Amino acid sequence: MAPAAVMAGSHADDQQHSAAHSVHSGSTSGGILRKASVGQAVSSKRPQGYSAKPAGVASPGSHPAHAGLRNVVMQPHEVRETLQQKQLLKVEMQRIFLYYSTLSNAGPPDGINPQKWFRLCHDTGCVATNRHYARGTPSHEWRPAANGLLPKADADAVFAEAAAETGAKATNNLNFDGFMVACRRLAKQMHPALAASPNDALHRLLCEHVLPKALRATEDLLLVDAHDEACEELFTKYRKGLTMLFNGYSPPGPGGRARVGEMQLPQFQRAMADFKIVPCLLSNAECNQVYHAARLDAGQPPLAHFQNCLVRAAHVAFSRHPYSANGNRPQQKLFDLLDRLSVPDPISLKHHLERLGMKVAPSSRSNTPPSVRPMTPKYPEVTLDDEEGLDRALKQIFAAYSTAGRMDLSKFVKLCVDTKVAHRIEFTRGQVEQTFHEASRDMFLSFDEWCDALLLLGQSRFPHDNQSDALRNLLSGYLLPLADRRLSVA
């Protein structure tokens, strides 16, 4: 199956679905939160009587590390009004996803694993426990109780089916799209009489269980415009110090010189702890949720993701007492955070990083990091929406790395090395070879098999993205701009 056909089919939108279903279907194309002023659009639609106080904001005089991350239970009229507003419903589901995906350090670094999924089902009253059955009843004999609760085995089966449907079976870790698929499948299990009407079943599940009872992260994480123009100007002004800080904590690339990988959660937590942002301004849980809230904006370059984290961290940290009394604007909050990180003063930042035992790479002196420097394309630019041009470019790339219409393992590895897909830490040669063996049948790849291998390669290289986004990242960021081509192939 050609990659262009996969991407064309994955971005088809169904305009006839309800608001509850559109939370899932609308998030597959592009980022979860748009660059528009999401906070203004949502705050203007808050139902009357809704508690606008974020759950994670501490009371005056309290320590931020002790600030609770749970929200008050929503009242029935608040639940009904939330279900009628598409954007507000999406924000609430993202808050629930963030809380449970960052619930503990067990399992994958982000997303919802089977343990976190069971915790969500238990908190919302969807799954039965041993207290709902007679004493001594074996767990394998548990059946749906008279009150509609599901046994744990059924909840686990729902998670497994959602993981298989969204391509997360290997990682056993659901992203936000997979989480919404699991909710739809759970609704069918909870309300079998509404199986013919999935939207009604999901609406009832959200109304009776998820929205009233689920715990959620503070709304400050999502009701903030991470792409504010004033903040972008501030990042441009202090690009040198920001790049130095990013390069100091991001994973090293090949040879230990250029930083090409995204800053992972442990590195971000270390940066916040080294500069006393945690625990003086943020708790560890809030730092974790800030990082994963920024990941909801899909398709970001590594440095842009780091900037997204800083904007959200500044908004949460400086929106509580005593800083909230000043009524600071987003730009002022961000500047206060950057000042504590020594970003405006690159010389002091360099000395601070060296005292922490870090070697500041020469590349960090440049105003633009290597990972985001504009490159002069070697070949004519091809847009992913142009199916004919994309197929022609892929055939030219395949011809350059194949012999007599067949690509062997060595050429496949060379392609991954030339295009920077292979990485010493993030995606090793062994993983590249494993992808080749999964797609090949006789130690060689035809063009169609190579296209299937690209789907596997994208999913393995970008495990946190769905299949379509992973393929788009692979093609636009690696193969098309960097791979050699045989232009004589039509």
Protein backbone atom coordinates (compact mmCIF):
# COMPACT_ATOMS: atom_id res chain seq x y z
CA MET A 1 0.00 0.00 0.00
CA ALA A 2 1.48 3.32 -1.07
CA PRO A 3 2.18 5.90 1.64
CA ALA A 4 0.33 8.61 -0.25
CA ALA A 5 -2.85 6.56 -0.22
CA VAL A 6 -2.51 5.94 3.50
CA MET A 7 -2.16 9.64 4.26
CA ALA A 8 -5.02 10.59 1.94
CA GLY A 9 -7.38 8.21 3.70
CA SER A 10 -6.27 9.01 7.21
CA HIS A 11 -7.21 12.73 6.98
CA ALA A 12 -10.83 12.33 5.81
CA ASP A 13 -13.18 14.10 8.23
CA ASP A 14 -16.71 12.97 8.92
CA GLN A 15 -18.92 16.04 9.30
CA GLN A 16 -21.94 14.13 10.55
CA HIS A 17 -20.63 12.92 13.91
CA SER A 18 -21.74 14.30 17.25
CA ALA A 19 -19.65 16.59 19.47
CA ALA A 20 -18.51 13.68 21.62
CA HIS A 21 -17.33 11.68 18.61
CA SER A 22 -15.63 14.69 17.05
CA VAL A 23 -13.19 14.86 19.98
CA HIS A 24 -11.66 11.68 18.59
CA SER A 25 -12.03 12.13 14.85
CA GLY A 26 -11.02 15.77 14.80
CA SER A 27 -7.71 15.18 16.53
CA THR A 28 -6.21 12.86 13.91
CA SER A 29 -5.36 15.61 11.43
CA GLY A 30 -2.85 18.09 12.74
CA GLY A 31 -2.25 19.07 16.36
CA ILE A 32 -4.68 18.52 19.23
CA LEU A 33 -4.68 22.17 20.17
CA ARG A 34 -4.54 24.66 17.30
CA LYS A 35 -2.31 27.72 17.19
CA ALA A 36 -5.38 29.92 17.54
CA SER A 37 -6.25 31.38 20.89
CA VAL A 38 -7.68 28.24 22.35
CA GLY A 39 -7.86 29.71 25.81
CA GLN A 40 -10.03 32.62 24.68
CA ALA A 41 -12.31 30.40 22.60
CA VAL A 42 -12.89 28.01 25.45
CA SER A 43 -13.11 30.44 28.33
CA SER A 44 -15.89 32.35 26.58
CA LYS A 45 -17.97 29.15 26.42
CA ARG A 46 -17.67 28.12 30.05
CA PRO A 47 -21.08 27.01 31.38
CA GLN A 48 -22.60 29.19 34.06
CA GLY A 49 -21.62 28.00 37.51
CA TYR A 50 -18.52 26.16 36.30
CA SER A 51 -15.62 26.39 38.73
CA ALA A 52 -12.87 28.24 36.87
CA LYS A 53 -10.29 27.79 39.61
CA PRO A 54 -7.61 25.41 38.33
CA ALA A 55 -7.16 22.28 40.39
CA GLY A 56 -3.40 22.68 40.54
CA VAL A 57 -3.32 26.29 41.80
CA ALA A 58 -2.31 26.50 45.40
CA SER A 59 -4.13 28.62 47.91
CA PRO A 60 -2.38 31.78 49.15
CA GLY A 61 0.58 30.93 51.31
CA SER A 62 0.72 27.26 50.38
CA HIS A 63 3.65 25.50 48.76
CA PRO A 64 3.22 24.61 45.07
CA ALA A 65 4.54 21.11 45.68
CA HIS A 66 1.49 20.48 47.85
CA ALA A 67 -1.02 21.83 45.31
CA GLY A 68 -3.62 19.21 44.43
CA LEU A 69 -4.09 18.15 40.83
CA ARG A 70 -7.66 16.90 41.25
CA ASN A 71 -10.71 18.83 40.16
CA VAL A 72 -14.02 19.05 41.97
CA VAL A 73 -16.76 16.71 40.78
CA MET A 74 -18.75 18.29 37.97
CA GLN A 75 -22.41 18.87 38.64
CA PRO A 76 -25.02 17.26 36.32
CA HIS A 77 -25.94 20.53 34.61
CA GLU A 78 -22.24 21.27 34.04
CA VAL A 79 -21.78 17.86 32.46
CA ARG A 80 -24.69 18.37 30.10
CA GLU A 81 -23.50 21.81 29.01
CA THR A 82 -19.96 20.51 28.51
CA LEU A 83 -21.22 17.75 26.21
CA GLN A 84 -22.92 20.35 24.03
CA GLN A 85 -19.68 22.27 23.37
CA LYS A 86 -17.17 20.50 21.18
CA GLN A 87 -14.06 22.49 22.08
CA LEU A 88 -14.78 22.49 25.79
CA LEU A 89 -15.39 18.73 25.72
CA LYS A 90 -12.05 18.21 23.99
CA VAL A 91 -10.24 20.23 26.66
CA GLU A 92 -11.90 18.24 29.46
CA MET A 93 -10.97 14.90 27.86
CA GLN A 94 -7.39 16.09 27.38
CA ARG A 95 -7.23 17.07 31.06
CA ILE A 96 -8.43 13.60 32.04
CA PHE A 97 -5.93 12.00 29.66
CA LEU A 98 -3.08 14.10 31.06
CA TYR A 99 -3.89 13.21 34.66
CA TYR A 100 -3.96 9.46 34.14
CA SER A 101 -1.11 9.34 31.60
CA THR A 102 1.21 11.06 34.12
CA LEU A 103 -0.23 9.32 37.15
CA SER A 104 2.98 7.53 38.10
CA ASN A 105 6.43 6.71 36.78
CA ALA A 106 5.43 3.08 36.17
CA GLY A 107 5.26 1.93 32.58
CA PRO A 108 5.93 4.10 29.51
CA PRO A 109 6.95 7.73 30.01
CA ASP A 110 3.68 9.03 28.61
CA GLY A 111 0.37 7.71 27.43
CA ILE A 112 -1.98 5.31 29.17
CA ASN A 113 -0.89 1.74 29.85
CA PRO A 114 -3.18 -1.08 31.07
CA GLN A 115 -2.62 -0.22 34.76
CA LYS A 116 -3.53 3.44 34.26
CA TRP A 117 -6.53 2.44 32.13
CA PHE A 118 -7.84 0.20 34.91
CA ARG A 119 -7.37 3.04 37.40
CA LEU A 120 -9.46 5.31 35.17
CA CYS A 121 -12.20 2.66 34.84
CA HIS A 122 -12.16 2.12 38.61
CA ASP A 123 -12.36 5.84 39.44
CA THR A 124 -15.26 6.39 37.05
CA GLY A 125 -17.24 3.41 38.36
CA CYS A 126 -17.07 1.40 35.14
CA VAL A 127 -15.33 -1.71 36.41
CA ALA A 128 -16.34 -4.07 39.20
CA THR A 129 -14.01 -5.08 42.01
CA ASN A 130 -14.14 -7.96 44.48
CA ARG A 131 -16.58 -6.10 46.70
CA HIS A 132 -19.26 -6.38 44.03
CA TYR A 133 -19.27 -10.20 44.17
CA ALA A 134 -19.85 -12.81 46.80
CA ARG A 135 -16.85 -13.63 48.93
CA GLY A 136 -14.79 -16.45 47.47
CA THR A 137 -15.95 -15.99 43.86
CA PRO A 138 -12.96 -16.63 41.55
CA SER A 139 -12.09 -13.68 39.32
CA HIS A 140 -12.44 -15.79 36.15
CA GLU A 141 -16.10 -16.36 37.03
CA TRP A 142 -16.89 -12.65 37.36
CA ARG A 143 -19.65 -11.55 35.03
CA PRO A 144 -21.18 -8.13 34.44
CA ALA A 145 -23.01 -7.21 37.60
CA ALA A 146 -26.67 -6.30 37.68
CA ASN A 147 -25.80 -2.62 38.02
CA GLY A 148 -23.89 -2.64 34.72
CA LEU A 149 -20.31 -2.80 36.03
CA LEU A 150 -17.76 -4.68 33.92
CA PRO A 151 -15.29 -7.26 35.21
CA LYS A 152 -11.61 -6.38 34.97
CA ALA A 153 -11.09 -8.89 32.16
CA ASP A 154 -13.53 -6.99 29.94
CA ALA A 155 -11.81 -3.68 30.69
CA ASP A 156 -8.46 -5.23 29.79
CA ALA A 157 -9.95 -6.59 26.56
CA VAL A 158 -11.20 -3.10 25.65
CA PHE A 159 -7.69 -1.72 26.13
CA ALA A 160 -6.13 -4.50 24.01
CA GLU A 161 -8.62 -3.92 21.17
CA ALA A 162 -7.99 -0.17 21.19
CA ALA A 163 -4.21 -0.72 21.17
CA ALA A 164 -4.52 -3.09 18.20
CA GLU A 165 -6.78 -0.67 16.30
CA THR A 166 -4.48 2.33 16.76
CA GLY A 167 -1.24 0.44 16.08
CA ALA A 168 -0.03 0.68 19.70
CA LYS A 169 0.03 -3.05 20.36
CA ALA A 170 3.83 -3.18 20.40
CA THR A 171 4.24 -0.34 22.91
CA ASN A 172 1.03 -1.19 24.85
CA ASN A 173 0.66 2.53 25.40
CA LEU A 174 -2.29 4.64 24.19
CA ASN A 175 -1.92 8.23 23.08
CA PHE A 176 -4.87 10.63 23.14
CA ASP A 177 -6.38 9.24 19.92
CA GLY A 178 -6.09 5.71 21.24
CA PHE A 179 -7.61 6.84 24.53
CA MET A 180 -10.71 8.10 22.73
CA VAL A 181 -10.96 4.84 20.76
CA ALA A 182 -10.82 2.93 24.04
CA CYS A 183 -13.59 5.12 25.47
CA ARG A 184 -15.82 4.34 22.49
CA ARG A 185 -15.23 0.62 22.88
CA LEU A 186 -15.83 0.85 26.61
CA ALA A 187 -19.14 2.61 25.93
CA LYS A 188 -20.28 -0.32 23.78
CA GLN A 189 -19.38 -2.76 26.55
CA MET A 190 -21.10 -0.71 29.22
CA HIS A 191 -24.26 -0.15 27.19
CA PRO A 192 -24.77 -3.11 24.82
CA ALA A 193 -28.35 -2.00 24.10
CA LEU A 194 -26.89 1.08 22.35
CA ALA A 195 -24.33 -0.88 20.29
CA ALA A 196 -26.14 0.13 17.10
CA SER A 197 -25.69 3.80 18.01
CA PRO A 198 -22.04 4.29 19.10
CA ASN A 199 -22.44 8.05 19.55
CA ASP A 200 -25.33 7.63 21.98
CA ALA A 201 -23.38 5.01 23.92
CA LEU A 202 -20.34 7.30 24.17
CA HIS A 203 -22.54 10.23 25.17
CA ARG A 204 -24.05 8.18 28.00
CA LEU A 205 -20.65 6.94 29.18
CA LEU A 206 -19.25 10.47 29.34
CA CYS A 207 -22.40 11.83 30.98
CA GLU A 208 -22.77 9.17 33.67
CA HIS A 209 -19.21 8.05 34.40
CA VAL A 210 -16.23 9.84 32.86
CA LEU A 211 -16.99 13.56 33.16
CA PRO A 212 -18.61 13.50 36.63
CA LYS A 213 -16.13 11.15 38.29
CA ALA A 214 -12.77 11.17 36.50
CA LEU A 215 -9.84 13.08 37.95
CA ARG A 216 -8.10 15.58 35.72
CA ALA A 217 -5.07 17.82 35.46
CA THR A 218 -5.20 21.55 36.01
CA GLU A 219 -6.82 23.42 33.14
CA ASP A 220 -3.99 25.99 33.14
CA LEU A 221 -1.95 23.44 31.17
CA LEU A 222 -4.33 23.61 28.21
CA LEU A 223 -5.98 27.03 28.40
CA VAL A 224 -2.81 28.81 27.39
CA ASP A 225 -1.72 29.95 23.94
CA ALA A 226 1.69 28.33 23.58
CA HIS A 227 2.21 30.14 20.26
CA ASP A 228 1.56 33.69 21.45
CA GLU A 229 3.24 36.23 19.16
CA ALA A 230 4.77 38.14 22.06
CA CYS A 231 6.28 34.94 23.43
CA GLU A 232 7.63 34.02 20.00
CA GLU A 233 9.33 37.43 19.82
CA LEU A 234 10.88 36.78 23.21
CA PHE A 235 12.24 33.42 22.04
CA THR A 236 13.69 35.09 18.95
CA LYS A 237 15.34 37.79 21.03
CA TYR A 238 17.04 35.30 23.37
CA ARG A 239 17.67 32.60 20.76
CA LYS A 240 21.34 32.22 21.66
CA GLY A 241 20.78 31.48 25.35
CA LEU A 242 17.73 29.32 24.62
CA THR A 243 19.69 27.23 22.14
CA MET A 244 22.55 26.83 24.61
CA LEU A 245 20.16 25.63 27.30
CA PHE A 246 18.43 23.23 24.90
CA ASN A 247 21.70 21.78 23.62
CA GLY A 248 22.97 21.35 27.16
CA TYR A 249 20.12 19.04 28.15
CA SER A 250 18.95 17.45 24.89
CA PRO A 251 20.25 13.99 23.93
CA PRO A 252 23.53 14.10 21.97
CA GLY A 253 23.57 13.08 18.35
CA PRO A 254 26.14 10.95 16.48
CA GLY A 255 29.67 11.74 17.59
CA GLY A 256 28.42 13.58 20.67
CA ARG A 257 28.35 16.92 18.89
CA ALA A 258 25.10 18.06 17.27
CA ARG A 259 21.90 17.70 19.29
CA VAL A 260 19.24 16.31 16.96
CA GLY A 261 16.87 14.54 19.35
CA GLU A 262 13.90 15.84 21.26
CA MET A 263 14.50 16.66 24.92
CA GLN A 264 13.01 13.76 26.84
CA LEU A 265 11.15 14.01 30.13
CA PRO A 266 14.13 13.08 32.37
CA GLN A 267 16.27 15.81 30.77
CA PHE A 268 13.49 18.39 31.12
CA GLN A 269 12.96 17.46 34.76
CA ARG A 270 16.70 17.75 35.41
CA ALA A 271 16.83 21.20 33.79
CA MET A 272 13.95 22.43 35.93
CA ALA A 273 15.54 20.97 39.08
CA ASP A 274 19.04 22.34 38.35
CA PHE A 275 17.68 25.89 38.14
CA LYS A 276 15.40 25.43 41.20
CA ILE A 277 12.21 25.76 39.19
CA VAL A 278 11.24 22.47 40.82
CA PRO A 279 10.24 22.47 43.63
CA CYS A 280 10.26 26.24 44.24
CA LEU A 281 7.75 27.12 41.52
CA LEU A 282 6.46 23.79 40.22
CA SER A 283 5.92 20.40 41.79
CA ASN A 284 7.32 17.27 40.17
CA ALA A 285 3.83 16.25 39.07
CA GLU A 286 3.20 19.65 37.48
CA CYS A 287 6.55 19.51 35.68
CA ASN A 288 5.61 16.08 34.33
CA GLN A 289 2.22 17.29 33.13
CA VAL A 290 3.66 20.44 31.55
CA TYR A 291 5.94 18.28 29.41
CA HIS A 292 3.17 15.96 28.27
CA ALA A 293 0.68 18.77 27.67
CA ALA A 294 3.18 20.22 25.18
CA ARG A 295 3.35 16.84 23.43
CA LEU A 296 -0.33 17.14 22.52
CA ASP A 297 0.74 19.64 19.85
CA ALA A 298 1.84 17.09 17.26
CA GLY A 299 4.50 17.63 14.60
CA GLN A 300 6.71 20.07 16.51
CA PRO A 301 10.47 20.33 15.96
CA PRO A 302 12.48 19.50 19.10
CA LEU A 303 13.30 23.12 19.96
CA ALA A 304 9.68 24.20 19.40
CA HIS A 305 8.51 21.50 21.81
CA PHE A 306 10.95 22.81 24.43
CA GLN A 307 9.63 26.34 23.92
CA ASN A 308 6.08 25.03 24.27
CA CYS A 309 7.04 23.48 27.61
CA LEU A 310 8.53 26.74 28.85
CA VAL A 311 5.41 28.76 27.99
CA ARG A 312 3.14 26.33 29.83
CA ALA A 313 5.51 26.07 32.80
CA ALA A 314 5.67 29.87 33.10
CA HIS A 315 1.89 30.16 32.95
CA VAL A 316 1.34 27.58 35.70
CA ALA A 317 4.17 28.80 37.93
CA PHE A 318 3.40 32.53 37.80
CA SER A 319 -0.40 32.29 37.89
CA ARG A 320 -0.46 31.50 41.60
CA HIS A 321 0.04 33.64 44.68
CA PRO A 322 2.00 35.86 45.14
CA TYR A 323 2.80 36.33 41.44
CA SER A 324 -0.87 36.35 40.40
CA ALA A 325 -1.39 39.65 42.24
CA ASN A 326 0.72 41.42 39.62
CA GLY A 327 -1.59 40.39 36.77
CA ASN A 328 1.36 39.57 34.57
CA ARG A 329 0.85 39.05 30.85
CA PRO A 330 2.04 35.80 29.20
CA GLN A 331 5.13 37.55 27.88
CA GLN A 332 6.08 38.81 31.36
CA LYS A 333 5.53 35.35 32.88
CA LEU A 334 7.74 33.80 30.24
CA PHE A 335 10.46 36.42 30.75
CA ASP A 336 10.45 35.78 34.52
CA LEU A 337 10.98 32.07 33.86
CA LEU A 338 13.71 32.66 31.28
CA ASP A 339 15.44 35.04 33.68
CA ARG A 340 15.52 32.32 36.35
CA LEU A 341 17.01 30.00 33.73
CA SER A 342 19.71 32.61 32.88
CA VAL A 343 18.64 32.55 29.22
CA PRO A 344 18.94 36.35 28.70
CA ASP A 345 22.61 36.17 29.81
CA PRO A 346 24.38 33.48 27.72
CA ILE A 347 27.73 33.97 29.49
CA SER A 348 26.27 33.33 32.94
CA LEU A 349 24.28 30.42 31.53
CA LYS A 350 27.42 28.91 30.02
CA HIS A 351 29.29 29.14 33.33
CA HIS A 352 26.30 27.66 35.18
CA LEU A 353 26.12 24.70 32.79
CA GLU A 354 29.84 24.11 33.13
CA ARG A 355 29.55 24.12 36.92
CA LEU A 356 26.89 21.46 36.57
CA GLY A 357 29.41 19.30 34.70
CA MET A 358 28.07 19.88 31.19
CA LYS A 359 30.25 20.54 28.21
CA VAL A 360 28.77 23.34 26.12
CA ALA A 361 29.12 22.29 22.50
CA PRO A 362 30.55 24.80 20.03
CA SER A 363 27.38 24.47 17.97
CA SER A 364 25.41 26.06 20.81
CA ARG A 365 27.07 29.43 20.07
CA SER A 366 25.10 29.70 16.88
CA ASN A 367 21.87 31.63 16.97
CA THR A 368 20.08 28.73 15.27
CA PRO A 369 20.52 25.12 16.42
CA PRO A 370 21.59 22.53 13.81
CA SER A 371 18.24 20.72 14.13
CA VAL A 372 16.29 23.73 12.82
CA ARG A 373 18.73 25.34 10.38
CA PRO A 374 17.18 25.72 6.93
CA MET A 375 18.67 23.34 4.42
CA THR A 376 19.01 23.90 0.71
CA PRO A 377 17.06 21.05 -0.88
CA LYS A 378 19.06 18.80 -3.14
CA TYR A 379 16.06 18.05 -5.35
CA PRO A 380 12.80 19.77 -6.35
CA GLU A 381 10.49 20.20 -3.39
CA VAL A 382 7.61 17.73 -3.18
CA THR A 383 4.50 18.37 -1.12
CA LEU A 384 2.87 15.46 0.67
CA ASP A 385 -0.54 16.40 -0.76
CA ASP A 386 0.71 15.91 -4.33
CA GLU A 387 0.20 12.16 -4.72
CA GLU A 388 1.69 11.94 -8.23
CA GLY A 389 4.77 13.94 -7.28
CA LEU A 390 5.18 11.98 -4.05
CA ASP A 391 4.96 8.61 -5.83
CA ARG A 392 7.46 9.79 -8.45
CA ALA A 393 9.90 10.96 -5.76
CA LEU A 394 9.58 7.68 -3.85
CA LYS A 395 10.27 5.68 -7.01
CA GLN A 396 13.37 7.79 -7.65
CA ILE A 397 14.60 7.20 -4.10
CA PHE A 398 13.94 3.47 -4.36
CA ALA A 399 15.80 3.32 -7.68
CA ALA A 400 18.82 5.05 -6.14
CA TYR A 401 19.09 2.48 -3.34
CA SER A 402 18.09 -0.70 -5.18
CA THR A 403 19.54 -3.00 -7.80
CA ALA A 404 17.37 -4.48 -10.55
CA GLY A 405 14.23 -3.39 -8.74
CA ARG A 406 15.15 -5.01 -5.42
CA MET A 407 16.57 -3.48 -2.23
CA ASP A 408 18.69 -5.58 0.10
CA LEU A 409 19.44 -5.05 3.79
CA SER A 410 22.68 -3.11 3.27
CA LYS A 411 21.01 -0.58 0.95
CA PHE A 412 18.07 -0.22 3.34
CA VAL A 413 20.45 0.54 6.20
CA LYS A 414 22.38 2.98 4.01
CA LEU A 415 19.15 4.80 3.20
CA CYS A 416 18.35 5.15 6.91
CA VAL A 417 21.87 6.38 7.65
CA ASP A 418 21.90 8.90 4.79
CA THR A 419 18.54 10.35 5.83
CA LYS A 420 19.42 10.50 9.57
CA VAL A 421 16.60 8.07 10.41
CA ALA A 422 19.10 5.79 12.13
CA HIS A 423 20.32 7.26 15.40
CA ARG A 424 22.90 5.99 17.84
CA ILE A 425 20.51 6.32 20.80
CA GLU A 426 16.96 6.92 19.60
CA PHE A 427 16.83 4.43 16.69
CA THR A 428 19.73 2.04 16.41
CA ARG A 429 20.91 -0.03 13.47
CA GLY A 430 19.49 -3.14 15.11
CA GLN A 431 16.02 -1.58 15.06
CA VAL A 432 16.49 -0.66 11.40
CA GLU A 433 17.40 -4.25 10.56
CA GLN A 434 14.44 -5.55 12.53
CA THR A 435 12.11 -3.32 10.51
CA PHE A 436 13.63 -4.65 7.28
CA HIS A 437 13.10 -8.29 8.29
CA GLU A 438 9.50 -7.60 9.29
CA ALA A 439 8.73 -6.21 5.82
CA SER A 440 10.83 -8.55 3.63
CA ARG A 441 9.94 -12.07 2.59
CA ASP A 442 13.09 -13.24 0.82
CA MET A 443 15.75 -10.83 2.17
CA PHE A 444 14.87 -8.33 -0.57
CA LEU A 445 12.27 -5.60 -0.88
CA SER A 446 10.28 -4.76 -3.96
CA PHE A 447 8.88 -1.26 -4.33
CA ASP A 448 5.51 -2.20 -2.81
CA GLU A 449 7.21 -4.02 0.07
CA TRP A 450 9.48 -1.02 0.58
CA CYS A 451 6.42 1.24 0.86
CA ASP A 452 5.05 -1.11 3.52
CA ALA A 453 8.44 -0.98 5.23
CA LEU A 454 8.20 2.82 5.36
CA LEU A 455 4.96 2.50 7.31
CA LEU A 456 6.69 0.21 9.82
CA LEU A 457 9.74 2.46 9.88
CA GLY A 458 7.70 5.54 10.66
CA GLN A 459 5.75 3.78 13.42
CA SER A 460 8.99 2.48 14.99
CA ARG A 461 10.86 5.78 14.66
CA PHE A 462 7.98 7.86 16.06
CA PRO A 463 6.17 5.52 18.48
CA HIS A 464 4.16 8.33 20.09
CA ASP A 465 2.46 9.34 16.80
CA ASN A 466 -0.29 7.55 14.95
CA GLN A 467 0.55 5.80 11.70
CA SER A 468 -0.33 8.73 9.44
CA ASP A 469 1.55 11.39 11.43
CA ALA A 470 4.56 9.12 11.84
CA LEU A 471 4.72 8.54 8.08
CA ARG A 472 4.38 12.25 7.35
CA ASN A 473 7.21 13.05 9.77
CA LEU A 474 9.40 10.38 8.19
CA LEU A 475 8.82 11.60 4.64
CA SER A 476 8.88 15.37 5.16
CA GLY A 477 11.67 15.50 7.74
CA TYR A 478 14.03 12.76 6.57
CA LEU A 479 13.47 10.90 3.28
CA LEU A 480 12.39 13.60 0.84
CA PRO A 481 14.96 16.28 1.80
CA LEU A 482 17.95 14.00 2.46
CA ALA A 483 17.70 10.80 0.38
CA ASP A 484 19.49 10.39 -2.93
CA ARG A 485 17.36 10.03 -6.03
CA ARG A 486 17.77 8.67 -9.54
CA LEU A 487 16.18 11.45 -11.53
CA SER A 488 16.15 9.42 -14.74
CA VAL A 489 13.28 7.37 -13.31
CA ALA A 490 9.96 8.86 -14.42
